[in-house]
Amino acid sequence: MGAEEWQAYLAGTPVPTGMLVEHAALVAEAELLCFVYPTWWFGPPAMLKGWLDRVLMPGVSFTLDDAGRIQPALERLSTIVGISTYGASRTYTRFFGDGGRRMLHRALRLNAPRRVRREWFGLYGMDGQGDEERRRFLDGVRSGMGSL
């Protein structure tokens, strides 16, 4: 985000430009958002975090009322799905808070006006997983996504 974009964001009057216009329109109409990414240092890659910051802006995914409380704007959103791989074990990841999952499942759902279904598919300790474990994970993702 450039300085001008940041000031507009802080003022609550950001205006998407370029491809962000299309992305913001698609997100505003989405019923399901699915994020697929590798977890790095207990969070999403910087590119995804930057996209979230620039697309899920005031006026697109939420507004603020006079008291500064979030008012959800993603009227159609009913499901948030995350699919991620982790170098660390599930226990280690949970100890450090699993930032990406927490961000998507707790914070993003505040942008929807009703209860949002949340699904998460994580392959933990990926570096130590063999072909069979990775195949089982992908089968689980296919099955889980097929039931949505």
N, C-alpha and C. Protein backbone atom coordinates (compact mmCIF):
# COMPACT_ATOMS: atom_id res chain seq x y z
N MET A 1 0.85 -1.17 0.00
CA MET A 1 0.00 0.00 0.00
C MET A 1 0.89 1.23 0.00
N GLY A 2 0.64 2.12 -0.91
CA GLY A 2 1.37 3.36 -0.94
C GLY A 2 0.84 4.32 0.12
N ALA A 3 1.54 5.43 0.33
CA ALA A 3 1.16 6.40 1.36
C ALA A 3 -0.25 6.95 1.11
N GLU A 4 -0.57 7.25 -0.14
CA GLU A 4 -1.89 7.79 -0.47
C GLU A 4 -3.00 6.77 -0.18
N GLU A 5 -2.75 5.51 -0.58
CA GLU A 5 -3.72 4.45 -0.30
C GLU A 5 -3.92 4.27 1.20
N TRP A 6 -2.82 4.33 1.96
CA TRP A 6 -2.88 4.14 3.40
C TRP A 6 -3.68 5.26 4.07
N GLN A 7 -3.46 6.48 3.66
CA GLN A 7 -4.21 7.60 4.23
C GLN A 7 -5.70 7.48 3.94
N ALA A 8 -6.05 7.08 2.73
CA ALA A 8 -7.46 6.88 2.38
C ALA A 8 -8.06 5.74 3.20
N TYR A 9 -7.29 4.69 3.41
CA TYR A 9 -7.76 3.56 4.22
C TYR A 9 -8.04 4.02 5.65
N LEU A 10 -7.09 4.78 6.23
CA LEU A 10 -7.26 5.26 7.60
C LEU A 10 -8.45 6.20 7.73
N ALA A 11 -8.73 6.95 6.68
CA ALA A 11 -9.87 7.88 6.69
C ALA A 11 -11.19 7.16 6.44
N GLY A 12 -11.12 5.87 6.11
CA GLY A 12 -12.34 5.11 5.83
C GLY A 12 -12.90 5.35 4.45
N THR A 13 -12.07 5.89 3.56
CA THR A 13 -12.53 6.20 2.20
C THR A 13 -11.63 5.62 1.13
N PRO A 14 -11.17 4.38 1.30
CA PRO A 14 -10.29 3.82 0.27
C PRO A 14 -11.04 3.58 -1.02
N VAL A 15 -10.32 3.70 -2.10
CA VAL A 15 -10.90 3.46 -3.42
C VAL A 15 -10.03 2.43 -4.12
N PRO A 16 -10.60 1.25 -4.42
CA PRO A 16 -9.79 0.26 -5.12
C PRO A 16 -9.42 0.74 -6.51
N THR A 17 -8.22 0.41 -6.93
CA THR A 17 -7.75 0.80 -8.26
C THR A 17 -7.26 -0.44 -8.99
N GLY A 18 -7.13 -0.33 -10.29
CA GLY A 18 -6.58 -1.43 -11.10
C GLY A 18 -7.36 -2.71 -10.91
N MET A 19 -6.63 -3.81 -10.77
CA MET A 19 -7.28 -5.11 -10.65
C MET A 19 -7.99 -5.28 -9.31
N LEU A 20 -7.69 -4.41 -8.34
CA LEU A 20 -8.38 -4.49 -7.05
C LEU A 20 -9.87 -4.20 -7.20
N VAL A 21 -10.25 -3.42 -8.20
CA VAL A 21 -11.67 -3.14 -8.45
C VAL A 21 -12.39 -4.45 -8.75
N GLU A 22 -11.83 -5.25 -9.64
CA GLU A 22 -12.44 -6.53 -9.98
C GLU A 22 -12.43 -7.49 -8.79
N HIS A 23 -11.32 -7.55 -8.08
CA HIS A 23 -11.23 -8.45 -6.92
C HIS A 23 -12.24 -8.06 -5.85
N ALA A 24 -12.37 -6.76 -5.57
CA ALA A 24 -13.32 -6.29 -4.57
C ALA A 24 -14.75 -6.64 -4.97
N ALA A 25 -15.07 -6.50 -6.24
CA ALA A 25 -16.42 -6.84 -6.72
C ALA A 25 -16.68 -8.33 -6.57
N LEU A 26 -15.70 -9.15 -6.91
CA LEU A 26 -15.87 -10.60 -6.78
C LEU A 26 -16.04 -11.01 -5.32
N VAL A 27 -15.24 -10.45 -4.43
CA VAL A 27 -15.35 -10.77 -3.01
C VAL A 27 -16.71 -10.32 -2.47
N ALA A 28 -17.18 -9.17 -2.88
CA ALA A 28 -18.47 -8.66 -2.40
C ALA A 28 -19.62 -9.58 -2.78
N GLU A 29 -19.50 -10.29 -3.88
CA GLU A 29 -20.56 -11.19 -4.35
C GLU A 29 -20.36 -12.64 -3.93
N ALA A 30 -19.24 -12.95 -3.32
CA ALA A 30 -18.89 -14.35 -3.02
C ALA A 30 -19.76 -14.93 -1.92
N GLU A 31 -20.12 -16.19 -2.11
CA GLU A 31 -20.78 -16.97 -1.07
C GLU A 31 -19.78 -17.81 -0.31
N LEU A 32 -18.69 -18.17 -0.97
CA LEU A 32 -17.64 -18.97 -0.37
C LEU A 32 -16.29 -18.37 -0.75
N LEU A 33 -15.43 -18.20 0.24
CA LEU A 33 -14.06 -17.77 -0.01
C LEU A 33 -13.14 -18.90 0.43
N CYS A 34 -12.24 -19.30 -0.46
CA CYS A 34 -11.30 -20.39 -0.18
C CYS A 34 -9.88 -19.86 -0.36
N PHE A 35 -9.07 -20.02 0.67
CA PHE A 35 -7.70 -19.56 0.65
C PHE A 35 -6.78 -20.77 0.70
N VAL A 36 -5.89 -20.88 -0.27
CA VAL A 36 -4.95 -21.99 -0.37
C VAL A 36 -3.55 -21.40 -0.35
N TYR A 37 -2.77 -21.77 0.65
CA TYR A 37 -1.44 -21.17 0.76
C TYR A 37 -0.55 -21.99 1.69
N PRO A 38 0.76 -21.83 1.56
CA PRO A 38 1.68 -22.44 2.53
C PRO A 38 1.81 -21.52 3.74
N THR A 39 1.84 -22.08 4.92
CA THR A 39 2.04 -21.27 6.12
C THR A 39 3.54 -21.05 6.31
N TRP A 40 3.90 -19.79 6.44
CA TRP A 40 5.29 -19.40 6.67
C TRP A 40 5.35 -18.63 7.98
N TRP A 41 6.17 -19.06 8.89
CA TRP A 41 6.32 -18.39 10.17
C TRP A 41 4.97 -18.16 10.83
N PHE A 42 4.13 -19.18 10.81
CA PHE A 42 2.84 -19.22 11.49
C PHE A 42 1.81 -18.25 10.93
N GLY A 43 1.96 -17.86 9.67
CA GLY A 43 0.98 -16.99 9.03
C GLY A 43 1.02 -17.15 7.52
N PRO A 44 0.15 -16.43 6.84
CA PRO A 44 0.14 -16.51 5.38
C PRO A 44 1.33 -15.77 4.78
N PRO A 45 1.69 -16.09 3.56
CA PRO A 45 2.76 -15.34 2.89
C PRO A 45 2.38 -13.86 2.77
N ALA A 46 3.38 -13.01 2.70
CA ALA A 46 3.17 -11.56 2.64
C ALA A 46 2.27 -11.16 1.47
N MET A 47 2.38 -11.84 0.34
CA MET A 47 1.57 -11.51 -0.83
C MET A 47 0.08 -11.68 -0.52
N LEU A 48 -0.28 -12.76 0.16
CA LEU A 48 -1.68 -12.98 0.53
C LEU A 48 -2.13 -11.97 1.57
N LYS A 49 -1.30 -11.71 2.57
CA LYS A 49 -1.65 -10.73 3.60
C LYS A 49 -1.85 -9.35 2.97
N GLY A 50 -1.00 -8.97 2.04
CA GLY A 50 -1.15 -7.69 1.35
C GLY A 50 -2.44 -7.64 0.54
N TRP A 51 -2.79 -8.74 -0.12
CA TRP A 51 -4.04 -8.80 -0.89
C TRP A 51 -5.23 -8.62 0.05
N LEU A 52 -5.22 -9.31 1.18
CA LEU A 52 -6.30 -9.17 2.15
C LEU A 52 -6.43 -7.72 2.61
N ASP A 53 -5.30 -7.09 2.92
CA ASP A 53 -5.31 -5.70 3.38
C ASP A 53 -5.88 -4.75 2.32
N ARG A 54 -5.57 -5.01 1.06
CA ARG A 54 -5.96 -4.08 0.00
C ARG A 54 -7.35 -4.35 -0.56
N VAL A 55 -7.83 -5.58 -0.48
CA VAL A 55 -9.15 -5.90 -1.05
C VAL A 55 -10.24 -5.86 0.01
N LEU A 56 -9.98 -6.38 1.20
CA LEU A 56 -10.99 -6.41 2.26
C LEU A 56 -10.97 -5.10 3.03
N MET A 57 -11.29 -4.05 2.31
CA MET A 57 -11.18 -2.70 2.86
C MET A 57 -12.55 -2.17 3.28
N PRO A 58 -12.55 -1.07 4.04
CA PRO A 58 -13.82 -0.44 4.38
C PRO A 58 -14.59 -0.09 3.11
N GLY A 59 -15.87 -0.35 3.14
CA GLY A 59 -16.71 -0.10 1.98
C GLY A 59 -16.84 -1.32 1.09
N VAL A 60 -15.94 -2.27 1.22
CA VAL A 60 -16.03 -3.51 0.45
C VAL A 60 -16.49 -4.64 1.37
N SER A 61 -15.72 -4.91 2.42
CA SER A 61 -16.06 -6.04 3.28
C SER A 61 -16.66 -5.60 4.62
N PHE A 62 -16.52 -4.34 4.97
CA PHE A 62 -17.11 -3.84 6.21
C PHE A 62 -17.21 -2.32 6.16
N THR A 63 -17.99 -1.79 7.08
CA THR A 63 -18.02 -0.35 7.33
C THR A 63 -17.84 -0.18 8.84
N LEU A 64 -17.58 1.02 9.26
CA LEU A 64 -17.48 1.32 10.69
C LEU A 64 -18.63 2.23 11.07
N ASP A 65 -19.31 1.90 12.17
CA ASP A 65 -20.39 2.78 12.61
C ASP A 65 -19.80 3.97 13.37
N ASP A 66 -20.63 4.85 13.86
CA ASP A 66 -20.16 6.06 14.53
C ASP A 66 -19.30 5.77 15.76
N ALA A 67 -19.51 4.60 16.37
CA ALA A 67 -18.74 4.22 17.55
C ALA A 67 -17.46 3.46 17.18
N GLY A 68 -17.21 3.30 15.87
CA GLY A 68 -16.02 2.60 15.42
C GLY A 68 -16.15 1.09 15.39
N ARG A 69 -17.38 0.58 15.56
CA ARG A 69 -17.60 -0.87 15.51
C ARG A 69 -17.76 -1.34 14.07
N ILE A 70 -17.26 -2.54 13.81
CA ILE A 70 -17.36 -3.13 12.48
C ILE A 70 -18.81 -3.49 12.17
N GLN A 71 -19.25 -3.07 11.01
CA GLN A 71 -20.55 -3.46 10.47
C GLN A 71 -20.27 -4.29 9.23
N PRO A 72 -20.65 -5.56 9.23
CA PRO A 72 -20.32 -6.45 8.12
C PRO A 72 -20.95 -6.00 6.81
N ALA A 73 -20.21 -6.23 5.72
CA ALA A 73 -20.71 -5.84 4.40
C ALA A 73 -20.70 -7.00 3.39
N LEU A 74 -20.13 -8.15 3.78
CA LEU A 74 -20.13 -9.30 2.86
C LEU A 74 -21.44 -10.05 3.04
N GLU A 75 -22.49 -9.51 2.46
CA GLU A 75 -23.85 -9.99 2.66
C GLU A 75 -24.07 -11.43 2.24
N ARG A 76 -23.37 -11.89 1.23
CA ARG A 76 -23.61 -13.23 0.68
C ARG A 76 -22.70 -14.30 1.26
N LEU A 77 -21.66 -13.90 1.95
CA LEU A 77 -20.66 -14.86 2.43
C LEU A 77 -21.26 -15.83 3.44
N SER A 78 -21.15 -17.12 3.14
CA SER A 78 -21.67 -18.14 4.05
C SER A 78 -20.60 -19.15 4.47
N THR A 79 -19.46 -19.20 3.75
CA THR A 79 -18.45 -20.21 4.06
C THR A 79 -17.05 -19.65 3.81
N ILE A 80 -16.14 -19.93 4.75
CA ILE A 80 -14.73 -19.59 4.60
C ILE A 80 -13.94 -20.89 4.73
N VAL A 81 -13.11 -21.17 3.75
CA VAL A 81 -12.30 -22.39 3.74
C VAL A 81 -10.83 -22.00 3.68
N GLY A 82 -10.02 -22.67 4.47
CA GLY A 82 -8.58 -22.51 4.41
C GLY A 82 -7.93 -23.86 4.14
N ILE A 83 -6.95 -23.86 3.26
CA ILE A 83 -6.18 -25.06 2.96
C ILE A 83 -4.71 -24.65 3.03
N SER A 84 -3.98 -25.24 3.97
CA SER A 84 -2.61 -24.81 4.14
C SER A 84 -1.69 -25.97 4.49
N THR A 85 -0.43 -25.80 4.14
CA THR A 85 0.61 -26.73 4.54
C THR A 85 1.49 -26.04 5.58
N TYR A 86 2.02 -26.85 6.48
CA TYR A 86 2.84 -26.35 7.58
C TYR A 86 4.12 -27.16 7.67
N GLY A 87 5.22 -26.50 7.93
CA GLY A 87 6.45 -27.22 8.20
C GLY A 87 6.44 -27.77 9.62
N ALA A 88 5.77 -27.07 10.52
CA ALA A 88 5.73 -27.45 11.93
C ALA A 88 4.61 -28.46 12.20
N SER A 89 4.71 -29.11 13.34
CA SER A 89 3.67 -30.05 13.76
C SER A 89 2.41 -29.28 14.17
N ARG A 90 1.29 -29.98 14.27
CA ARG A 90 0.03 -29.36 14.71
C ARG A 90 0.19 -28.79 16.12
N THR A 91 0.83 -29.54 17.02
CA THR A 91 1.02 -29.08 18.39
C THR A 91 1.82 -27.79 18.44
N TYR A 92 2.92 -27.76 17.73
CA TYR A 92 3.78 -26.58 17.70
C TYR A 92 3.04 -25.39 17.09
N THR A 93 2.31 -25.64 16.02
CA THR A 93 1.54 -24.59 15.35
C THR A 93 0.48 -24.02 16.29
N ARG A 94 -0.23 -24.87 16.98
CA ARG A 94 -1.25 -24.40 17.93
C ARG A 94 -0.62 -23.60 19.07
N PHE A 95 0.54 -24.04 19.54
CA PHE A 95 1.23 -23.33 20.62
C PHE A 95 1.49 -21.87 20.22
N PHE A 96 1.83 -21.66 18.94
CA PHE A 96 2.11 -20.31 18.46
C PHE A 96 0.89 -19.61 17.88
N GLY A 97 -0.29 -20.20 18.02
CA GLY A 97 -1.53 -19.50 17.70
C GLY A 97 -2.08 -19.69 16.30
N ASP A 98 -1.37 -20.37 15.41
CA ASP A 98 -1.85 -20.60 14.04
C ASP A 98 -2.47 -19.31 13.48
N GLY A 99 -1.63 -18.31 13.29
CA GLY A 99 -2.07 -16.97 12.90
C GLY A 99 -2.92 -16.89 11.65
N GLY A 100 -2.57 -17.61 10.61
CA GLY A 100 -3.36 -17.56 9.38
C GLY A 100 -4.75 -18.09 9.57
N ARG A 101 -4.85 -19.23 10.22
CA ARG A 101 -6.17 -19.82 10.48
C ARG A 101 -7.00 -18.90 11.37
N ARG A 102 -6.40 -18.37 12.40
CA ARG A 102 -7.11 -17.46 13.31
C ARG A 102 -7.58 -16.21 12.56
N MET A 103 -6.73 -15.68 11.70
CA MET A 103 -7.09 -14.47 10.95
C MET A 103 -8.30 -14.73 10.05
N LEU A 104 -8.27 -15.83 9.32
CA LEU A 104 -9.35 -16.12 8.39
C LEU A 104 -10.63 -16.56 9.10
N HIS A 105 -10.50 -17.41 10.10
CA HIS A 105 -11.68 -17.96 10.74
C HIS A 105 -12.29 -17.07 11.80
N ARG A 106 -11.50 -16.25 12.44
CA ARG A 106 -12.06 -15.37 13.47
C ARG A 106 -12.31 -13.96 12.93
N ALA A 107 -11.30 -13.36 12.33
CA ALA A 107 -11.43 -11.96 11.92
C ALA A 107 -12.26 -11.81 10.64
N LEU A 108 -11.99 -12.61 9.63
CA LEU A 108 -12.72 -12.46 8.37
C LEU A 108 -14.21 -12.71 8.54
N ARG A 109 -14.58 -13.63 9.41
CA ARG A 109 -16.00 -13.93 9.59
C ARG A 109 -16.78 -12.74 10.16
N LEU A 110 -16.09 -11.81 10.79
CA LEU A 110 -16.76 -10.62 11.31
C LEU A 110 -17.29 -9.72 10.19
N ASN A 111 -16.87 -9.99 8.95
CA ASN A 111 -17.31 -9.20 7.81
C ASN A 111 -18.59 -9.75 7.19
N ALA A 112 -19.12 -10.82 7.74
CA ALA A 112 -20.37 -11.40 7.25
C ALA A 112 -21.46 -11.17 8.30
N PRO A 113 -22.67 -10.86 7.87
CA PRO A 113 -23.73 -10.49 8.81
C PRO A 113 -24.37 -11.66 9.54
N ARG A 114 -24.05 -12.87 9.15
CA ARG A 114 -24.66 -14.02 9.80
C ARG A 114 -23.58 -15.06 10.11
N ARG A 115 -24.02 -16.13 10.70
CA ARG A 115 -23.09 -17.23 11.03
C ARG A 115 -22.45 -17.76 9.75
N VAL A 116 -21.15 -17.90 9.79
CA VAL A 116 -20.39 -18.35 8.63
C VAL A 116 -19.80 -19.72 8.94
N ARG A 117 -19.99 -20.64 8.02
CA ARG A 117 -19.38 -21.96 8.14
C ARG A 117 -17.89 -21.81 7.89
N ARG A 118 -17.08 -22.49 8.71
CA ARG A 118 -15.64 -22.42 8.56
C ARG A 118 -15.07 -23.82 8.46
N GLU A 119 -14.23 -24.04 7.48
CA GLU A 119 -13.57 -25.33 7.28
C GLU A 119 -12.07 -25.08 7.16
N TRP A 120 -11.30 -26.01 7.69
CA TRP A 120 -9.84 -25.88 7.61
C TRP A 120 -9.23 -27.23 7.29
N PHE A 121 -8.32 -27.23 6.34
CA PHE A 121 -7.58 -28.43 5.96
C PHE A 121 -6.10 -28.09 6.08
N GLY A 122 -5.44 -28.72 7.03
CA GLY A 122 -4.02 -28.44 7.24
C GLY A 122 -3.18 -29.70 7.15
N LEU A 123 -2.10 -29.61 6.42
CA LEU A 123 -1.11 -30.69 6.37
C LEU A 123 0.06 -30.22 7.22
N TYR A 124 0.15 -30.78 8.43
CA TYR A 124 1.17 -30.37 9.40
C TYR A 124 2.42 -31.23 9.24
N GLY A 125 3.57 -30.65 9.59
CA GLY A 125 4.83 -31.37 9.49
C GLY A 125 5.08 -31.87 8.08
N MET A 126 4.76 -31.04 7.11
CA MET A 126 4.80 -31.45 5.71
C MET A 126 6.16 -32.00 5.29
N ASP A 127 7.21 -31.42 5.81
CA ASP A 127 8.55 -31.85 5.40
C ASP A 127 8.81 -33.33 5.70
N GLY A 128 8.12 -33.87 6.70
CA GLY A 128 8.30 -35.26 7.07
C GLY A 128 7.25 -36.20 6.51
N GLN A 129 6.35 -35.67 5.69
CA GLN A 129 5.26 -36.48 5.13
C GLN A 129 5.72 -37.16 3.85
N GLY A 130 5.30 -38.39 3.67
CA GLY A 130 5.61 -39.12 2.45
C GLY A 130 4.48 -38.99 1.43
N ASP A 131 4.64 -39.66 0.32
CA ASP A 131 3.65 -39.60 -0.76
C ASP A 131 2.27 -40.05 -0.27
N GLU A 132 2.21 -41.10 0.52
CA GLU A 132 0.92 -41.63 0.98
C GLU A 132 0.21 -40.63 1.89
N GLU A 133 0.95 -40.00 2.79
CA GLU A 133 0.34 -39.01 3.69
C GLU A 133 -0.17 -37.80 2.90
N ARG A 134 0.61 -37.37 1.93
CA ARG A 134 0.17 -36.23 1.10
C ARG A 134 -1.05 -36.62 0.27
N ARG A 135 -1.10 -37.83 -0.23
CA ARG A 135 -2.25 -38.31 -1.00
C ARG A 135 -3.50 -38.36 -0.11
N ARG A 136 -3.35 -38.84 1.13
CA ARG A 136 -4.49 -38.87 2.07
C ARG A 136 -4.99 -37.46 2.37
N PHE A 137 -4.05 -36.54 2.55
CA PHE A 137 -4.44 -35.15 2.79
C PHE A 137 -5.25 -34.61 1.61
N LEU A 138 -4.76 -34.79 0.41
CA LEU A 138 -5.48 -34.30 -0.77
C LEU A 138 -6.83 -34.98 -0.93
N ASP A 139 -6.91 -36.27 -0.62
CA ASP A 139 -8.21 -36.97 -0.67
C ASP A 139 -9.17 -36.35 0.35
N GLY A 140 -8.66 -36.02 1.52
CA GLY A 140 -9.49 -35.37 2.55
C GLY A 140 -9.98 -34.01 2.11
N VAL A 141 -9.11 -33.25 1.44
CA VAL A 141 -9.50 -31.94 0.92
C VAL A 141 -10.58 -32.10 -0.14
N ARG A 142 -10.38 -33.02 -1.08
CA ARG A 142 -11.39 -33.26 -2.12
C ARG A 142 -12.73 -33.65 -1.52
N SER A 143 -12.70 -34.56 -0.60
CA SER A 143 -13.92 -35.02 0.06
C SER A 143 -14.60 -33.87 0.82
N GLY A 144 -13.81 -33.14 1.59
CA GLY A 144 -14.36 -32.02 2.36
C GLY A 144 -14.93 -30.92 1.49
N MET A 145 -14.23 -30.58 0.43
CA MET A 145 -14.72 -29.55 -0.48
C MET A 145 -15.97 -30.03 -1.22
N GLY A 146 -16.01 -31.31 -1.52
CA GLY A 146 -17.17 -31.87 -2.20
C GLY A 146 -18.43 -31.82 -1.37
N SER A 147 -18.28 -31.77 -0.05
CA SER A 147 -19.45 -31.73 0.83
C SER A 147 -19.95 -30.32 1.11
N LEU A 148 -19.29 -29.32 0.59
CA LEU A 148 -19.71 -27.94 0.86
C LEU A 148 -20.87 -27.52 -0.02
